[in-house]
Amino acid sequence: MAGSAVWIDGWTTWRDSPSIVCSLPTCWATDEQASIRTVTVDDTYPRLVGDIGGTNARLAWVKGAGCAPEGVRTYACAHYPSLADVIRAYLNEQGHRSPPWAAIGIANPVVGDWVQMTNHHWAFSIEGMRHSLGLKRLLVLNDFTALAMSLPSLGGADIRQVGPGHAVAKAPRALLGAGTGLGVSGLLSSDSGRLVPVNGEGGHVTLAATNDREAELLAWLRRRFGHVSAERALSGPGLVNLHDALREIDGLAPSGHTPAEVTEAALSGREARAEEALNLFCSFLGNVAGNLALTLGARGGVYIGGGIVPRLGDWFDRSPFRARFEDKGRFRAYLSDIPTLVVQAPYPALLGAARALDELI
């Protein structure tokens, strides 16, 4: 990248370059004018915010400072050739012109200008999309980084605690959630009070077994995939993997069920392998969540988002999740004090994307 780097209020800005690398970990912002300039809040509204997964794209509009995202619409990614096409469809449907600023949380690592989605075929240049949509500034960040940024805004009916524990103020918070893939993040508070999201690809850590049945499952998954990441079990496709593995291990043919069908069969109790698969899903999730809590020292709480767990309702509360979360030998007492909370807000990543834009001012 051409140009020299200078620090402005904690943001790294490259002179004589169209790109701005922001201090949110692993995100990329592009700006119409890369010189040092004064931006007022009013200059940045209205704003477009988005939450882009491997299956669905959700977009919304933020009218002004302090306003919640509104006009939320969900689009099937498979129905559009590119993300830019989805955004154009939304703007046309809502009767909006291109806004000055936009922020997109996407289920993918964001390193540099080029984005190639892991669980979908879309790929794009962030600067190219900014220019083609006529935006003055476009921020693209990992979807779970956006979700982490929303956590301080959530309360009441937005979250539901599962099991014991009390959050420690200003302590690190952890976040994970299963959908099309497995997202992982965290949120730290700096000494100055600034929020610092922790971004990574924790969904691809190696999955571990803790008993013989799980060891059989992992052996089956290794034969199919080689490396068995947590996402191979803790996602919609991962739930199907668990169900198929259990059926084959027990001498039955694969069912051909979708993730929703496996979940329905488990919750209704009408299929034993589906129920076992969902219990194992919750067990593995508890194990991974406990590991994450220990790694981050997440005494501020562990939050469970994504598209799967919030839909399980009270069933999840009765599942093996919390027992497996605490099952860490000598650190059981440490983990028993950490609350685990299900994120039930309908569009939290949109709130987080909006907050991430505020951090750029």
Protein backbone atom coordinates (compact mmCIF):
# COMPACT_ATOMS: atom_id res chain seq x y z
CA MET A 1 0.00 0.00 0.00
CA ALA A 2 1.37 3.41 -0.96
CA GLY A 3 1.55 6.30 1.46
CA SER A 4 2.69 6.90 5.01
CA ALA A 5 0.83 5.96 8.18
CA VAL A 6 -0.21 8.52 10.77
CA TRP A 7 -2.25 8.15 13.95
CA ILE A 8 -5.43 10.19 14.35
CA ASP A 9 -7.44 9.54 17.52
CA GLY A 10 -6.43 5.88 17.53
CA TRP A 11 -7.09 5.20 13.84
CA THR A 12 -4.34 4.40 11.38
CA THR A 13 -4.77 6.56 8.29
CA TRP A 14 -2.69 6.18 5.16
CA ARG A 15 -1.91 9.44 3.39
CA ASP A 16 -2.30 9.47 -0.40
CA SER A 17 -4.20 6.19 -0.35
CA PRO A 18 -7.91 5.44 -0.75
CA SER A 19 -7.93 2.97 2.14
CA ILE A 20 -8.23 3.40 5.88
CA VAL A 21 -7.31 0.55 8.19
CA CYS A 22 -9.33 0.90 11.39
CA SER A 23 -8.42 -0.17 14.91
CA LEU A 24 -11.31 -2.61 15.07
CA PRO A 25 -9.41 -5.88 14.70
CA THR A 26 -9.41 -7.33 11.20
CA CYS A 27 -11.69 -4.89 9.45
CA TRP A 28 -11.21 -2.66 6.45
CA ALA A 29 -12.71 0.72 5.72
CA THR A 30 -12.47 2.59 2.44
CA ASP A 31 -12.97 6.31 2.17
CA GLU A 32 -13.79 8.55 -0.76
CA GLN A 33 -11.11 11.01 0.34
CA ALA A 34 -8.08 9.68 2.18
CA SER A 35 -6.63 12.98 3.32
CA ILE A 36 -6.96 14.06 6.96
CA ARG A 37 -10.23 15.93 7.27
CA THR A 38 -12.92 16.85 9.77
CA VAL A 39 -16.11 14.77 9.63
CA THR A 40 -19.18 15.87 11.56
CA VAL A 41 -21.79 13.38 12.72
CA ASP A 42 -24.43 14.94 10.48
CA ASP A 43 -22.21 14.32 7.43
CA THR A 44 -22.44 10.57 8.01
CA TYR A 45 -26.24 10.07 8.01
CA PRO A 46 -28.33 8.34 6.89
CA ARG A 47 -26.35 5.09 7.05
CA LEU A 48 -26.78 1.59 5.68
CA VAL A 49 -25.90 -1.36 7.93
CA GLY A 50 -25.78 -5.04 7.03
CA ASP A 51 -25.31 -8.51 8.50
CA ILE A 52 -24.21 -10.96 5.81
CA GLY A 53 -24.13 -14.70 6.50
CA GLY A 54 -23.60 -17.68 4.25
CA THR A 55 -27.36 -18.11 3.78
CA ASN A 56 -29.04 -14.73 4.36
CA ALA A 57 -28.20 -11.05 3.98
CA ARG A 58 -29.94 -8.61 6.35
CA LEU A 59 -29.90 -4.89 5.63
CA ALA A 60 -31.27 -1.90 7.53
CA TRP A 61 -31.30 1.90 7.56
CA VAL A 62 -30.14 4.25 10.31
CA LYS A 63 -31.71 7.70 9.94
CA GLY A 64 -29.68 9.66 12.43
CA ALA A 65 -27.57 9.72 15.59
CA GLY A 66 -29.15 7.69 18.38
CA CYS A 67 -31.66 6.03 16.04
CA ALA A 68 -32.06 2.25 15.97
CA PRO A 69 -31.76 0.43 12.64
CA GLU A 70 -35.12 0.28 10.87
CA GLY A 71 -36.55 -1.07 7.65
CA VAL A 72 -34.83 -4.42 8.21
CA ARG A 73 -35.10 -6.76 5.22
CA THR A 74 -33.73 -10.28 4.75
CA TYR A 75 -32.55 -11.58 1.37
CA ALA A 76 -31.50 -15.10 0.37
CA CYS A 77 -27.86 -14.89 -0.73
CA ALA A 78 -28.39 -17.62 -3.33
CA HIS A 79 -30.85 -15.40 -5.22
CA TYR A 80 -28.31 -12.66 -6.00
CA PRO A 81 -25.05 -12.77 -7.97
CA SER A 82 -23.24 -10.37 -5.61
CA LEU A 83 -23.51 -8.45 -2.35
CA ALA A 84 -23.62 -5.18 -4.30
CA ASP A 85 -26.71 -6.46 -6.13
CA VAL A 86 -28.45 -7.17 -2.81
CA ILE A 87 -27.65 -3.67 -1.57
CA ARG A 88 -28.98 -2.11 -4.78
CA ALA A 89 -32.16 -4.18 -4.47
CA TYR A 90 -32.63 -2.95 -0.89
CA LEU A 91 -32.06 0.70 -1.79
CA ASN A 92 -34.50 0.47 -4.70
CA GLU A 93 -37.12 -1.34 -2.61
CA GLN A 94 -36.91 1.23 0.18
CA GLY A 95 -36.73 4.21 -2.13
CA HIS A 96 -33.34 5.33 -0.78
CA ARG A 97 -30.38 6.87 -2.54
CA SER A 98 -26.92 5.62 -1.62
CA PRO A 99 -26.09 6.89 1.88
CA PRO A 100 -22.79 8.58 2.72
CA TRP A 101 -21.66 5.82 5.12
CA ALA A 102 -22.27 2.09 5.37
CA ALA A 103 -21.04 -0.79 7.55
CA ILE A 104 -21.29 -4.47 6.69
CA GLY A 105 -20.67 -7.36 9.06
CA ILE A 106 -19.83 -10.47 7.05
CA ALA A 107 -19.30 -14.11 8.00
CA ASN A 108 -15.71 -14.21 6.84
CA PRO A 109 -12.20 -13.09 7.77
CA VAL A 110 -11.64 -9.50 6.59
CA VAL A 111 -7.96 -8.97 5.85
CA GLY A 112 -7.23 -6.25 3.35
CA ASP A 113 -9.40 -5.08 0.49
CA TRP A 114 -10.40 -8.42 -1.07
CA VAL A 115 -13.15 -10.53 0.55
CA GLN A 116 -13.80 -14.13 -0.52
CA MET A 117 -16.62 -15.66 1.52
CA THR A 118 -15.94 -19.03 3.15
CA ASN A 119 -19.50 -20.40 3.09
CA HIS A 120 -20.80 -18.71 -0.08
CA HIS A 121 -19.46 -17.89 -3.54
CA TRP A 122 -19.52 -14.08 -3.23
CA ALA A 123 -16.19 -12.28 -3.55
CA PHE A 124 -15.52 -8.57 -3.90
CA SER A 125 -13.12 -5.65 -3.51
CA ILE A 126 -14.29 -3.42 -0.67
CA GLU A 127 -13.00 -0.29 -2.38
CA GLY A 128 -14.53 -1.41 -5.69
CA MET A 129 -17.93 -1.95 -4.07
CA ARG A 130 -17.73 1.38 -2.25
CA HIS A 131 -17.08 3.15 -5.53
CA SER A 132 -19.75 1.26 -7.48
CA LEU A 133 -22.41 2.03 -4.84
CA GLY A 134 -21.44 5.70 -4.58
CA LEU A 135 -20.60 5.56 -0.86
CA LYS A 136 -18.26 8.02 0.84
CA ARG A 137 -17.16 5.45 3.39
CA LEU A 138 -17.63 1.70 3.63
CA LEU A 139 -16.60 -0.35 6.66
CA VAL A 140 -16.51 -4.14 6.31
CA LEU A 141 -15.86 -6.24 9.40
CA ASN A 142 -16.36 -9.79 10.58
CA ASP A 143 -19.98 -10.48 11.51
CA PHE A 144 -19.10 -11.63 15.03
CA THR A 145 -16.97 -8.53 15.54
CA ALA A 146 -20.13 -6.58 14.74
CA LEU A 147 -22.14 -8.79 17.09
CA ALA A 148 -19.58 -8.24 19.87
CA MET A 149 -19.94 -4.48 19.43
CA SER A 150 -23.67 -4.82 20.14
CA LEU A 151 -23.30 -6.50 23.55
CA PRO A 152 -23.24 -3.32 25.69
CA SER A 153 -26.55 -2.26 24.11
CA LEU A 154 -28.37 -5.49 24.98
CA GLY A 155 -30.48 -6.02 28.08
CA GLY A 156 -33.83 -7.19 29.35
CA ALA A 157 -35.57 -9.44 26.85
CA ASP A 158 -32.54 -9.25 24.50
CA ILE A 159 -30.66 -11.84 26.56
CA ARG A 160 -31.54 -14.91 28.66
CA GLN A 161 -29.19 -16.37 31.24
CA VAL A 162 -28.63 -20.12 31.29
CA GLY A 163 -27.28 -21.48 34.57
CA PRO A 164 -25.61 -19.64 37.46
CA GLY A 165 -22.97 -16.93 37.54
CA HIS A 166 -22.62 -13.18 37.87
CA ALA A 167 -20.87 -10.90 35.38
CA VAL A 168 -17.91 -8.86 36.61
CA ALA A 169 -18.09 -5.25 35.44
CA LYS A 170 -15.50 -4.30 32.78
CA ALA A 171 -14.21 -7.90 32.62
CA PRO A 172 -13.72 -9.50 29.18
CA ARG A 173 -16.79 -10.92 27.49
CA ALA A 174 -16.78 -13.89 25.09
CA LEU A 175 -19.15 -14.56 22.23
CA LEU A 176 -19.82 -17.56 20.02
CA GLY A 177 -22.69 -18.74 17.90
CA ALA A 178 -23.65 -21.38 15.37
CA GLY A 179 -25.49 -20.75 12.12
CA THR A 180 -24.27 -21.59 8.63
CA GLY A 181 -20.85 -21.63 10.31
CA LEU A 182 -19.47 -21.08 13.83
CA GLY A 183 -18.54 -17.52 14.78
CA VAL A 184 -16.33 -16.57 17.72
CA SER A 185 -15.39 -13.19 19.15
CA GLY A 186 -14.89 -11.30 22.38
CA LEU A 187 -15.14 -7.80 23.80
CA LEU A 188 -12.64 -6.01 26.03
CA SER A 189 -12.88 -2.65 27.79
CA SER A 190 -9.79 -0.46 27.67
CA ASP A 191 -8.67 1.65 30.63
CA SER A 192 -10.17 4.66 28.87
CA GLY A 193 -13.52 2.89 28.55
CA ARG A 194 -13.24 2.29 24.82
CA LEU A 195 -14.65 -1.03 23.59
CA VAL A 196 -12.18 -3.31 21.82
CA PRO A 197 -13.64 -6.34 19.99
CA VAL A 198 -11.48 -9.44 19.76
CA ASN A 199 -11.69 -10.96 16.31
CA GLY A 200 -10.48 -14.35 15.13
CA GLU A 201 -11.46 -17.58 13.47
CA GLY A 202 -12.14 -19.61 16.60
CA GLY A 203 -14.82 -21.64 14.81
CA HIS A 204 -11.98 -23.54 13.14
CA VAL A 205 -10.20 -24.75 16.27
CA THR A 206 -9.83 -28.52 16.49
CA LEU A 207 -12.84 -30.29 18.01
CA ALA A 208 -12.09 -32.60 20.95
CA ALA A 209 -13.89 -35.68 22.31
CA THR A 210 -14.39 -36.31 26.03
CA ASN A 211 -15.96 -39.82 25.94
CA ASP A 212 -16.05 -42.94 23.76
CA ARG A 213 -19.22 -42.01 21.87
CA GLU A 214 -17.77 -38.64 20.91
CA ALA A 215 -14.52 -40.35 19.91
CA GLU A 216 -16.50 -42.54 17.49
CA LEU A 217 -18.12 -39.45 16.04
CA LEU A 218 -14.80 -37.66 15.59
CA ALA A 219 -13.32 -40.71 13.87
CA TRP A 220 -16.26 -40.65 11.42
CA LEU A 221 -15.80 -36.91 10.83
CA ARG A 222 -12.04 -37.34 10.29
CA ARG A 223 -12.71 -39.92 7.59
CA ARG A 224 -14.96 -37.43 5.82
CA PHE A 225 -13.12 -34.13 6.36
CA GLY A 226 -9.57 -34.81 7.53
CA HIS A 227 -9.18 -31.98 10.03
CA VAL A 228 -12.28 -31.77 12.26
CA SER A 229 -12.86 -28.16 13.22
CA ALA A 230 -15.48 -27.16 15.76
CA GLU A 231 -17.57 -25.81 12.89
CA ARG A 232 -17.92 -29.34 11.44
CA ALA A 233 -20.22 -30.10 14.39
CA LEU A 234 -21.33 -26.68 15.62
CA SER A 235 -23.27 -25.23 12.70
CA GLY A 236 -26.36 -26.08 10.68
CA PRO A 237 -24.39 -28.39 8.37
CA GLY A 238 -22.53 -29.64 11.46
CA LEU A 239 -25.77 -30.77 13.10
CA VAL A 240 -26.53 -32.78 9.95
CA ASN A 241 -23.00 -34.24 10.15
CA LEU A 242 -23.64 -35.38 13.72
CA HIS A 243 -26.97 -36.93 12.77
CA ASP A 244 -25.54 -38.74 9.73
CA ALA A 245 -22.58 -40.00 11.78
CA LEU A 246 -24.78 -41.40 14.54
CA ARG A 247 -27.03 -43.17 12.07
CA GLU A 248 -24.13 -44.74 10.18
CA ILE A 249 -22.31 -45.77 13.37
CA ASP A 250 -25.52 -47.48 14.48
CA GLY A 251 -26.01 -49.24 11.14
CA LEU A 252 -28.70 -46.94 9.68
CA ALA A 253 -28.84 -45.12 6.36
CA PRO A 254 -28.45 -41.31 6.29
CA SER A 255 -31.81 -39.58 6.66
CA GLY A 256 -31.23 -36.78 4.16
CA HIS A 257 -32.66 -34.32 6.71
CA THR A 258 -31.93 -30.59 6.66
CA PRO A 259 -30.70 -28.88 9.86
CA ALA A 260 -34.25 -27.64 10.52
CA GLU A 261 -35.66 -31.16 10.10
CA VAL A 262 -33.06 -32.67 12.45
CA THR A 263 -33.89 -29.99 15.03
CA GLU A 264 -37.65 -30.53 14.72
CA ALA A 265 -37.26 -34.30 15.04
CA ALA A 266 -35.13 -33.81 18.16
CA LEU A 267 -37.38 -31.28 19.87
CA SER A 268 -40.48 -33.39 19.21
CA GLY A 269 -38.75 -36.53 20.50
CA ARG A 270 -39.83 -38.56 17.48
CA GLU A 271 -36.35 -39.65 16.37
CA ALA A 272 -33.76 -40.93 18.83
CA ARG A 273 -30.66 -40.20 16.71
CA ALA A 274 -31.85 -36.64 16.05
CA GLU A 275 -32.31 -36.07 19.77
CA GLU A 276 -28.87 -37.50 20.49
CA ALA A 277 -27.35 -35.34 17.74
CA LEU A 278 -28.83 -32.17 19.24
CA ASN A 279 -27.68 -33.15 22.73
CA LEU A 280 -24.19 -33.76 21.38
CA PHE A 281 -24.32 -30.41 19.59
CA CYS A 282 -25.05 -28.71 22.92
CA SER A 283 -22.34 -30.75 24.67
CA PHE A 284 -19.69 -29.81 22.13
CA LEU A 285 -20.84 -26.17 22.27
CA GLY A 286 -20.49 -26.16 26.06
CA ASN A 287 -16.99 -27.58 25.77
CA VAL A 288 -15.90 -24.98 23.20
CA ALA A 289 -17.56 -22.16 25.19
CA GLY A 290 -15.73 -23.25 28.35
CA ASN A 291 -12.42 -23.27 26.48
CA LEU A 292 -13.12 -19.78 25.18
CA ALA A 293 -14.04 -18.50 28.64
CA LEU A 294 -10.77 -19.80 30.04
CA THR A 295 -8.75 -18.41 27.14
CA LEU A 296 -10.18 -14.88 27.42
CA GLY A 297 -10.77 -14.87 31.17
CA ALA A 298 -14.35 -13.99 30.24
CA ARG A 299 -15.67 -13.16 33.70
CA GLY A 300 -17.94 -10.60 32.07
CA GLY A 301 -19.98 -13.46 30.63
CA VAL A 302 -20.13 -15.81 27.68
CA TYR A 303 -22.79 -14.89 25.11
CA ILE A 304 -24.36 -17.40 22.74
CA GLY A 305 -25.66 -15.96 19.46
CA GLY A 306 -26.14 -17.33 15.97
CA GLY A 307 -29.23 -18.69 14.30
CA ILE A 308 -29.58 -22.07 16.04
CA VAL A 309 -29.42 -21.81 19.83
CA PRO A 310 -31.84 -18.87 20.32
CA ARG A 311 -34.52 -20.96 18.56
CA LEU A 312 -34.14 -23.89 20.95
CA GLY A 313 -35.76 -21.99 23.84
CA ASP A 314 -36.04 -23.82 27.17
CA TRP A 315 -34.81 -27.04 25.60
CA PHE A 316 -31.33 -25.52 25.47
CA ASP A 317 -31.55 -24.61 29.16
CA ARG A 318 -32.13 -28.32 29.97
CA SER A 319 -29.45 -29.56 27.58
CA PRO A 320 -25.91 -30.71 28.59
CA PHE A 321 -24.51 -27.29 27.55
CA ARG A 322 -23.99 -25.75 30.98
CA ALA A 323 -22.67 -28.95 32.61
CA ARG A 324 -20.09 -29.32 29.84
CA PHE A 325 -19.22 -25.62 30.05
CA GLU A 326 -18.22 -26.05 33.71
CA ASP A 327 -16.60 -29.49 33.29
CA LYS A 328 -12.97 -28.31 33.35
CA GLY A 329 -11.51 -30.21 36.29
CA ARG A 330 -9.63 -27.91 38.65
CA PHE A 331 -11.26 -24.84 37.05
CA ARG A 332 -14.86 -25.93 37.57
CA ALA A 333 -15.37 -23.37 40.36
CA TYR A 334 -13.87 -20.59 38.20
CA LEU A 335 -16.31 -21.35 35.36
CA SER A 336 -19.31 -21.85 37.64
CA ASP A 337 -19.09 -18.13 38.50
CA ILE A 338 -19.22 -17.07 34.83
CA PRO A 339 -22.72 -16.46 33.43
CA THR A 340 -23.72 -17.89 30.05
CA LEU A 341 -26.30 -15.83 28.18
CA VAL A 342 -28.31 -16.50 25.03
CA VAL A 343 -28.65 -13.48 22.72
CA GLN A 344 -32.33 -13.24 21.79
CA ALA A 345 -32.37 -9.78 20.16
CA PRO A 346 -33.63 -10.16 16.58
CA TYR A 347 -30.85 -8.25 14.75
CA PRO A 348 -27.97 -7.58 17.15
CA ALA A 349 -25.23 -7.55 14.48
CA LEU A 350 -26.98 -4.60 12.80
CA LEU A 351 -26.76 -2.69 16.08
CA GLY A 352 -23.09 -3.60 16.32
CA ALA A 353 -22.32 -2.52 12.76
CA ALA A 354 -23.92 0.84 13.49
CA ARG A 355 -21.84 1.19 16.66
CA ALA A 356 -18.66 0.27 14.77
CA LEU A 357 -19.29 3.18 12.41
CA ASP A 358 -19.58 5.49 15.41
CA GLU A 359 -16.06 4.43 16.40
CA LEU A 360 -14.73 5.84 13.12
CA ILE A 361 -15.76 9.42 13.92
